PDB file of N, CA and C in Angstrom:
ATOM      1  N   MET A   1    -179.502  56.014-237.869  1.00  0.00           N
ATOM      2  CA  MET A   1    -179.473  57.424-237.816  1.00  0.00           C
ATOM      3  C   MET A   1    -181.078  57.840-237.609  1.00  0.00           C
ATOM      4  N   LYS A   2    -181.857  57.005-238.584  1.00  0.00           N
ATOM      5  CA  LYS A   2    -183.698  57.460-238.410  1.00  0.00           C
ATOM      6  C   LYS A   2    -183.940  57.374-237.156  1.00  0.00           C
ATOM      7  N   ALA A   3    -183.384  56.366-236.337  1.00  0.00           N
ATOM      8  CA  ALA A   3    -183.991  56.195-234.966  1.00  0.00           C
ATOM      9  C   ALA A   3    -183.788  57.297-233.963  1.00  0.00           C
ATOM     10  N   ILE A   4    -182.389  57.968-234.558  1.00  0.00           N
ATOM     11  CA  ILE A   4    -181.822  59.060-233.420  1.00  0.00           C
ATOM     12  C   ILE A   4    -182.693  60.325-234.161  1.00  0.00           C
ATOM     13  N   GLU A   5    -182.814  60.341-235.544  1.00  0.00           N
ATOM     14  CA  GLU A   5    -183.993  61.384-235.503  1.00  0.00           C
ATOM     15  C   GLU A   5    -185.220  61.645-235.051  1.00  0.00           C
ATOM     16  N   LYS A   6    -185.743  60.270-235.000  1.00  0.00           N
ATOM     17  CA  LYS A   6    -187.045  60.112-234.424  1.00  0.00           C
ATOM     18  C   LYS A   6    -187.221  60.837-233.078  1.00  0.00           C
ATOM     19  N   ILE A   7    -186.053  60.355-232.285  1.00  0.00           N
ATOM     20  CA  ILE A   7    -186.081  60.773-230.834  1.00  0.00           C
ATOM     21  C   ILE A   7    -185.379  61.916-230.669  1.00  0.00           C
ATOM     22  N   GLY A   8    -184.684  62.419-231.680  1.00  0.00           N
ATOM     23  CA  GLY A   8    -183.843  63.632-231.463  1.00  0.00           C
ATOM     24  C   GLY A   8    -184.237  64.912-231.064  1.00  0.00           C
ATOM     25  N   GLY A   9    -185.714  64.957-231.373  1.00  0.00           N
ATOM     26  CA  GLY A   9    -186.331  66.223-230.965  1.00  0.00           C
ATOM     27  C   GLY A   9    -186.743  66.228-229.624  1.00  0.00           C
ATOM     28  N   LEU A  10    -185.391  66.459-228.795  1.00  0.00           N
ATOM     29  CA  LEU A  10    -185.806  66.355-227.376  1.00  0.00           C
ATOM     30  C   LEU A  10    -186.191  67.830-227.059  1.00  0.00           C
ATOM     31  N   GLU A  11    -187.016  68.570-227.402  1.00  0.00           N
ATOM     32  CA  GLU A  11    -187.209  69.892-227.278  1.00  0.00           C
ATOM     33  C   GLU A  11    -188.294  69.954-225.755  1.00  0.00           C
ATOM     34  N   HIS A  12    -188.826  68.789-225.861  1.00  0.00           N
ATOM     35  CA  HIS A  12    -189.880  68.833-224.334  1.00  0.00           C
ATOM     36  C   HIS A  12    -189.119  68.653-223.122  1.00  0.00           C
ATOM     37  N   LEU A  13    -187.771  67.807-223.472  1.00  0.00           N
ATOM     38  CA  LEU A  13    -186.864  68.069-222.261  1.00  0.00           C
ATOM     39  C   LEU A  13    -186.096  69.222-222.103  1.00  0.00           C
ATOM     40  N   ALA A  14    -185.914  70.020-223.098  1.00  0.00           N
ATOM     41  CA  ALA A  14    -185.178  71.368-223.210  1.00  0.00           C
ATOM     42  C   ALA A  14    -186.274  72.571-222.238  1.00  0.00           C
ATOM     43  N   GLN A  15    -187.625  72.207-222.759  1.00  0.00           N
ATOM     44  CA  GLN A  15    -188.315  73.095-222.102  1.00  0.00           C
ATOM     45  C   GLN A  15    -188.549  72.518-220.658  1.00  0.00           C
ATOM     46  N   LEU A  16    -188.628  71.424-220.057  1.00  0.00           N
ATOM     47  CA  LEU A  16    -188.582  70.986-218.866  1.00  0.00           C
ATOM     48  C   LEU A  16    -187.497  71.650-218.158  1.00  0.00           C
ATOM     49  N   SER A  17    -186.267  71.579-218.488  1.00  0.00           N
ATOM     50  CA  SER A  17    -185.033  72.477-218.040  1.00  0.00           C
ATOM     51  C   SER A  17    -185.344  73.512-217.929  1.00  0.00           C
ATOM     52  N   GLU A  18    -185.856  74.397-218.543  1.00  0.00           N
ATOM     53  CA  GLU A  18    -186.265  75.757-218.478  1.00  0.00           C
ATOM     54  C   GLU A  18    -187.518  76.097-217.454  1.00  0.00           C
ATOM     55  N   GLU A  19    -188.393  75.135-217.291  1.00  0.00           N
ATOM     56  CA  GLU A  19    -189.349  75.409-216.445  1.00  0.00           C
ATOM     57  C   GLU A  19    -188.939  75.126-214.853  1.00  0.00           C
ATOM     58  N   LEU A  20    -187.684  74.253-214.910  1.00  0.00           N
ATOM     59  CA  LEU A  20    -187.127  73.893-213.439  1.00  0.00           C
ATOM     60  C   LEU A  20    -186.355  75.042-213.345  1.00  0.00           C
ATOM     61  N   LYS A  21    -185.705  75.593-214.085  1.00  0.00           N
ATOM     62  CA  LYS A  21    -184.838  76.771-213.966  1.00  0.00           C
ATOM     63  C   LYS A  21    -185.719  78.105-213.371  1.00  0.00           C
ATOM     64  N   LYS A  22    -187.022  78.236-213.866  1.00  0.00           N
ATOM     65  CA  LYS A  22    -187.884  79.225-213.458  1.00  0.00           C
ATOM     66  C   LYS A  22    -188.147  78.985-212.394  1.00  0.00           C
ATOM     67  N   THR A  23    -188.746  77.653-211.974  1.00  0.00           N
ATOM     68  CA  THR A  23    -189.340  77.311-210.567  1.00  0.00           C
ATOM     69  C   THR A  23    -188.184  77.454-209.543  1.00  0.00           C
ATOM     70  N   MET A  24    -186.729  77.478-209.860  1.00  0.00           N
ATOM     71  CA  MET A  24    -185.956  77.479-208.863  1.00  0.00           C
ATOM     72  C   MET A  24    -185.444  78.795-208.623  1.00  0.00           C
ATOM     73  N   ALA A  25    -185.922  79.399-209.419  1.00  0.00           N
ATOM     74  CA  ALA A  25    -185.591  81.065-209.113  1.00  0.00           C
ATOM     75  C   ALA A  25    -186.514  81.685-207.726  1.00  0.00           C
ATOM     76  N   ASP A  26    -187.626  80.777-207.526  1.00  0.00           N
ATOM     77  CA  ASP A  26    -188.148  81.203-206.297  1.00  0.00           C
ATOM     78  C   ASP A  26    -187.876  80.022-205.088  1.00  0.00           C
ATOM     79  N   GLU A  27    -186.707  80.381-204.734  1.00  0.00           N
ATOM     80  CA  GLU A  27    -185.831  79.326-203.910  1.00  0.00           C
ATOM     81  C   GLU A  27    -186.622  79.078-202.525  1.00  0.00           C
ATOM     82  N   GLU A  28    -187.222  80.378-201.966  1.00  0.00           N
ATOM     83  CA  GLU A  28    -187.945  80.261-200.573  1.00  0.00           C
ATOM     84  C   GLU A  28    -189.164  79.498-200.604  1.00  0.00           C
ATOM     85  N   GLN A  29    -190.050  79.700-201.674  1.00  0.00           N
ATOM     86  CA  GLN A  29    -191.171  79.010-201.889  1.00  0.00           C
ATOM     87  C   GLN A  29    -190.903  77.633-202.166  1.00  0.00           C
ATOM     88  N   LEU A  30    -189.789  76.935-202.737  1.00  0.00           N
ATOM     89  CA  LEU A  30    -189.544  75.663-202.922  1.00  0.00           C
ATOM     90  C   LEU A  30    -189.261  75.126-201.403  1.00  0.00           C
ATOM     91  N   ARG A  31    -188.615  75.694-200.601  1.00  0.00           N
ATOM     92  CA  ARG A  31    -188.069  75.377-199.559  1.00  0.00           C
ATOM     93  C   ARG A  31    -189.210  75.061-198.494  1.00  0.00           C
ATOM     94  N   ALA A  32    -190.315  76.233-198.657  1.00  0.00           N
ATOM     95  CA  ALA A  32    -191.530  76.201-197.991  1.00  0.00           C
ATOM     96  C   ALA A  32    -192.127  74.896-198.038  1.00  0.00           C
ATOM     97  N   VAL A  33    -192.268  74.246-199.539  1.00  0.00           N
ATOM     98  CA  VAL A  33    -192.764  72.859-199.813  1.00  0.00           C
ATOM     99  C   VAL A  33    -192.056  72.057-199.156  1.00  0.00           C
ATOM    100  N   SER A  34    -190.713  71.912-199.526  1.00  0.00           N
ATOM    101  CA  SER A  34    -189.962  70.817-198.882  1.00  0.00           C
ATOM    102  C   SER A  34    -188.435  71.327-199.167  1.00  0.00           C
ATOM    103  N   PRO A  35    -187.904  70.986-198.122  1.00  0.00           N
ATOM    104  CA  PRO A  35    -186.347  71.615-198.067  1.00  0.00           C
ATOM    105  C   PRO A  35    -185.443  70.584-199.349  1.00  0.00           C
ATOM    106  N   MET A  36    -186.074  69.644-199.312  1.00  0.00           N
ATOM    107  CA  MET A  36    -185.423  68.605-200.603  1.00  0.00           C
ATOM    108  C   MET A  36    -185.379  68.974-202.044  1.00  0.00           C
ATOM    109  N   LEU A  37    -186.629  69.763-202.359  1.00  0.00           N
ATOM    110  CA  LEU A  37    -186.892  70.236-203.565  1.00  0.00           C
ATOM    111  C   LEU A  37    -185.615  70.851-204.637  1.00  0.00           C
ATOM    112  N   THR A  38    -185.165  71.862-203.800  1.00  0.00           N
ATOM    113  CA  THR A  38    -184.003  72.718-204.537  1.00  0.00           C
ATOM    114  C   THR A  38    -182.987  72.007-204.972  1.00  0.00           C
ATOM    115  N   PRO A  39    -182.384  71.089-204.179  1.00  0.00           N
ATOM    116  CA  PRO A  39    -181.152  70.203-204.648  1.00  0.00           C
ATOM    117  C   PRO A  39    -181.832  69.255-205.525  1.00  0.00           C
ATOM    118  N   TYR A  40    -182.955  68.727-205.362  1.00  0.00           N
ATOM    119  CA  TYR A  40    -183.406  67.721-206.285  1.00  0.00           C
ATOM    120  C   TYR A  40    -183.510  68.227-207.477  1.00  0.00           C
ATOM    121  N   PHE A  41    -184.323  69.648-207.673  1.00  0.00           N
ATOM    122  CA  PHE A  41    -184.622  70.097-209.181  1.00  0.00           C
ATOM    123  C   PHE A  41    -183.237  70.476-209.623  1.00  0.00           C
ATOM    124  N   ALA A  42    -182.105  70.963-208.617  1.00  0.00           N
ATOM    125  CA  ALA A  42    -180.718  71.527-209.572  1.00  0.00           C
ATOM    126  C   ALA A  42    -180.017  70.281-210.072  1.00  0.00           C
ATOM    127  N   GLU A  43    -180.353  69.165-209.423  1.00  0.00           N
ATOM    128  CA  GLU A  43    -179.739  67.618-209.991  1.00  0.00           C
ATOM    129  C   GLU A  43    -180.142  67.333-210.912  1.00  0.00           C
ATOM    130  N   LEU A  44    -181.725  67.196-211.035  1.00  0.00           N
ATOM    131  CA  LEU A  44    -182.429  67.250-212.493  1.00  0.00           C
ATOM    132  C   LEU A  44    -182.074  68.144-213.481  1.00  0.00           C
ATOM    133  N   ARG A  45    -182.017  69.087-213.173  1.00  0.00           N
ATOM    134  CA  ARG A  45    -181.614  70.324-214.354  1.00  0.00           C
ATOM    135  C   ARG A  45    -180.134  69.605-214.950  1.00  0.00           C
ATOM    136  N   LYS A  46    -179.235  69.282-213.724  1.00  0.00           N
ATOM    137  CA  LYS A  46    -177.864  69.013-214.606  1.00  0.00           C
ATOM    138  C   LYS A  46    -177.939  67.689-215.187  1.00  0.00           C
ATOM    139  N   ASN A  47    -178.881  66.569-214.784  1.00  0.00           N
ATOM    140  CA  ASN A  47    -178.828  65.604-215.514  1.00  0.00           C
ATOM    141  C   ASN A  47    -179.618  65.636-216.787  1.00  0.00           C
ATOM    142  N   LEU A  48    -180.654  66.321-216.811  1.00  0.00           N
ATOM    143  CA  LEU A  48    -181.273  66.788-218.311  1.00  0.00           C
ATOM    144  C   LEU A  48    -180.460  67.791-219.078  1.00  0.00           C
ATOM    145  N   GLY A  49    -179.547  68.494-218.515  1.00  0.00           N
ATOM    146  CA  GLY A  49    -178.370  69.179-219.365  1.00  0.00           C
ATOM    147  C   GLY A  49    -177.515  68.084-220.115  1.00  0.00           C
ATOM    148  N   PHE A  50    -176.889  67.260-219.139  1.00  0.00           N
ATOM    149  CA  PHE A  50    -176.168  66.220-219.816  1.00  0.00           C
ATOM    150  C   PHE A  50    -176.671  65.458-220.900  1.00  0.00           C
ATOM    151  N   LEU A  51    -178.123  65.150-220.423  1.00  0.00           N
ATOM    152  CA  LEU A  51    -179.006  64.200-221.434  1.00  0.00           C
ATOM    153  C   LEU A  51    -179.053  64.934-222.982  1.00  0.00           C
ATOM    154  N   LEU A  52    -179.383  66.021-222.767  1.00  0.00           N
ATOM    155  CA  LEU A  52    -179.414  66.942-224.197  1.00  0.00           C
ATOM    156  C   LEU A  52    -178.156  67.379-224.575  1.00  0.00           C
ATOM    157  N   GLY A  53    -176.952  67.420-224.014  1.00  0.00           N
ATOM    158  CA  GLY A  53    -175.738  67.452-224.579  1.00  0.00           C
ATOM    159  C   GLY A  53    -175.328  66.244-225.342  1.00  0.00           C
ATOM    160  N   THR A  54    -175.376  64.964-224.766  1.00  0.00           N
ATOM    161  CA  THR A  54    -175.335  63.688-225.133  1.00  0.00           C
ATOM    162  C   THR A  54    -176.114  63.700-226.766  1.00  0.00           C
ATOM    163  N   ALA A  55    -177.397  63.794-226.547  1.00  0.00           N
ATOM    164  CA  ALA A  55    -178.221  63.500-227.492  1.00  0.00           C
ATOM    165  C   ALA A  55    -177.807  64.470-228.748  1.00  0.00           C
ATOM    166  N   LYS A  56    -177.190  65.787-228.563  1.00  0.00           N
ATOM    167  CA  LYS A  56    -176.840  66.544-229.466  1.00  0.00           C
ATOM    168  C   LYS A  56    -175.671  66.071-230.285  1.00  0.00           C
ATOM    169  N   SER A  57    -174.750  65.787-229.273  1.00  0.00           N
ATOM    170  CA  SER A  57    -173.502  65.131-229.739  1.00  0.00           C
ATOM    171  C   SER A  57    -173.480  63.688-230.479  1.00  0.00           C
ATOM    172  N   LEU A  58    -174.397  62.908-230.237  1.00  0.00           N
ATOM    173  CA  LEU A  58    -174.624  61.915-231.119  1.00  0.00           C
ATOM    174  C   LEU A  58    -175.385  62.104-232.482  1.00  0.00           C
ATOM    175  N   GLN A  59    -176.457  63.023-232.369  1.00  0.00           N
ATOM    176  CA  GLN A  59    -176.847  63.616-233.549  1.00  0.00           C
ATOM    177  C   GLN A  59    -175.875  64.102-234.511  1.00  0.00           C
ATOM    178  N   THR A  60    -174.817  65.147-234.142  1.00  0.00           N
ATOM    179  CA  THR A  60    -173.921  65.528-234.932  1.00  0.00           C
ATOM    180  C   THR A  60    -172.679  64.425-235.325  1.00  0.00           C
ATOM    181  N   HIS A  61    -172.681  63.428-234.184  1.00  0.00           N
ATOM    182  CA  HIS A  61    -171.843  62.276-235.016  1.00  0.00           C
ATOM    183  C   HIS A  61    -172.452  61.729-235.915  1.00  0.00           C
ATOM    184  N   GLY A  62    -173.719  61.340-235.874  1.00  0.00           N
ATOM    185  CA  GLY A  62    -174.318  60.526-236.960  1.00  0.00           C
ATOM    186  C   GLY A  62    -174.217  61.217-238.160  1.00  0.00           C
ATOM    187  N   VAL A  63    -174.622  62.546-238.331  1.00  0.00           N
ATOM    188  CA  VAL A  63    -174.488  63.379-239.467  1.00  0.00           C
ATOM    189  C   VAL A  63    -173.210  63.338-240.036  1.00  0.00           C
ATOM    190  N   ASN A  64    -171.941  63.348-239.209  1.00  0.00           N
ATOM    191  CA  ASN A  64    -170.705  63.491-240.028  1.00  0.00           C
ATOM    192  C   ASN A  64    -170.297  62.234-240.264  1.00  0.00           C
ATOM    193  N   ARG A  65    -170.580  60.969-239.677  1.00  0.00           N
ATOM    194  CA  ARG A  65    -170.441  59.532-240.148  1.00  0.00           C
ATOM    195  C   ARG A  65    -171.155  59.355-241.361  1.00  0.00           C
ATOM    196  N   THR A  66    -172.298  59.746-241.616  1.00  0.00           N
ATOM    197  CA  THR A  66    -173.191  59.462-242.850  1.00  0.00           C
ATOM    198  C   THR A  66    -172.357  60.357-243.807  1.00  0.00           C
ATOM    199  N   LYS A  67    -172.003  61.548-243.702  1.00  0.00           N
ATOM    200  CA  LYS A  67    -171.075  62.356-244.723  1.00  0.00           C
ATOM    201  C   LYS A  67    -169.993  61.587-245.330  1.00  0.00           C
ATOM    202  N   ASP A  68    -169.200  61.067-244.334  1.00  0.00           N
ATOM    203  CA  ASP A  68    -168.104  60.139-244.430  1.00  0.00           C
ATOM    204  C   ASP A  68    -168.361  59.030-244.999  1.00  0.00           C
ATOM    205  N   ILE A  69    -169.567  58.473-245.018  1.00  0.00           N
ATOM    206  CA  ILE A  69    -170.075  57.175-245.751  1.00  0.00           C
ATOM    207  C   ILE A  69    -170.319  57.398-247.179  1.00  0.00           C
ATOM    208  N   GLN A  70    -170.905  58.644-247.481  1.00  0.00           N
ATOM    209  CA  GLN A  70    -171.492  59.143-248.564  1.00  0.00           C
ATOM    210  C   GLN A  70    -169.929  59.287-249.530  1.00  0.00           C
ATOM    211  N   GLY A  71    -169.172  59.899-248.958  1.00  0.00           N
ATOM    212  CA  GLY A  71    -167.993  60.450-249.561  1.00  0.00           C
ATOM    213  C   GLY A  71    -167.420  59.112-250.062  1.00  0.00           C
ATOM    214  N   LEU A  72    -167.203  58.054-249.144  1.00  0.00           N
ATOM    215  CA  LEU A  72    -166.686  57.018-249.660  1.00  0.00           C
ATOM    216  C   LEU A  72    -167.347  56.139-250.783  1.00  0.00           C
ATOM    217  N   LEU A  73    -168.683  56.180-250.601  1.00  0.00           N
ATOM    218  CA  LEU A  73    -169.330  55.638-251.499  1.00  0.00           C
ATOM    219  C   LEU A  73    -169.239  56.423-252.939  1.00  0.00           C
ATOM    220  N   ASP A  74    -169.204  57.617-252.878  1.00  0.00           N
ATOM    221  CA  ASP A  74    -169.043  58.284-254.013  1.00  0.00           C
ATOM    222  C   ASP A  74    -167.318  58.036-254.679  1.00  0.00           C
ATOM    223  N   GLN A  75    -166.599  57.782-253.945  1.00  0.00           N
ATOM    224  CA  GLN A  75    -165.368  57.270-254.287  1.00  0.00           C
ATOM    225  C   GLN A  75    -165.394  55.758-254.856  1.00  0.00           C
ATOM    226  N   LEU A  76    -166.012  55.051-254.275  1.00  0.00           N
ATOM    227  CA  LEU A  76    -166.033  53.599-254.677  1.00  0.00           C
ATOM    228  C   LEU A  76    -167.169  53.672-256.214  1.00  0.00           C
ATOM    229  N   SER A  77    -167.922  54.574-256.212  1.00  0.00           N
ATOM    230  CA  SER A  77    -168.708  54.462-257.798  1.00  0.00           C
ATOM    231  C   SER A  77    -167.594  55.067-258.675  1.00  0.00           C
ATOM    232  N   HIS A  78    -166.977  55.717-258.542  1.00  0.00           N
ATOM    233  CA  HIS A  78    -165.745  56.068-259.719  1.00  0.00           C
ATOM    234  C   HIS A  78    -164.931  54.794-260.261  1.00  0.00           C
ATOM    235  N   ILE A  79    -164.611  53.878-258.949  1.00  0.00           N
ATOM    236  CA  ILE A  79    -163.907  52.704-259.508  1.00  0.00           C
ATOM    237  C   ILE A  79    -164.408  51.706-260.211  1.00  0.00           C
ATOM    238  N   LYS A  80    -166.043  51.387-260.134  1.00  0.00           N
ATOM    239  CA  LYS A  80    -166.534  50.496-261.116  1.00  0.00           C
ATOM    240  C   LYS A  80    -166.449  51.078-262.334  1.00  0.00           C
TER     241      LYS A  80
END
């Protein structure tokens, strides 16, 4: 859980996704640079979204399992 917390702050990836979104708003300028940029940026944003969603899901899962384990430890402490 500690390792996930250390890398869990994926704000820089969220910022990158937002910047890509802003850049994609001017599609004509991107196509002027290269016709491949628009689909490349779209795919990159999709993958970043998936990565961020997965990271948030892992964090939530870790928190929930930590609570479950703590509850079990509390129950065991009463048995002693």
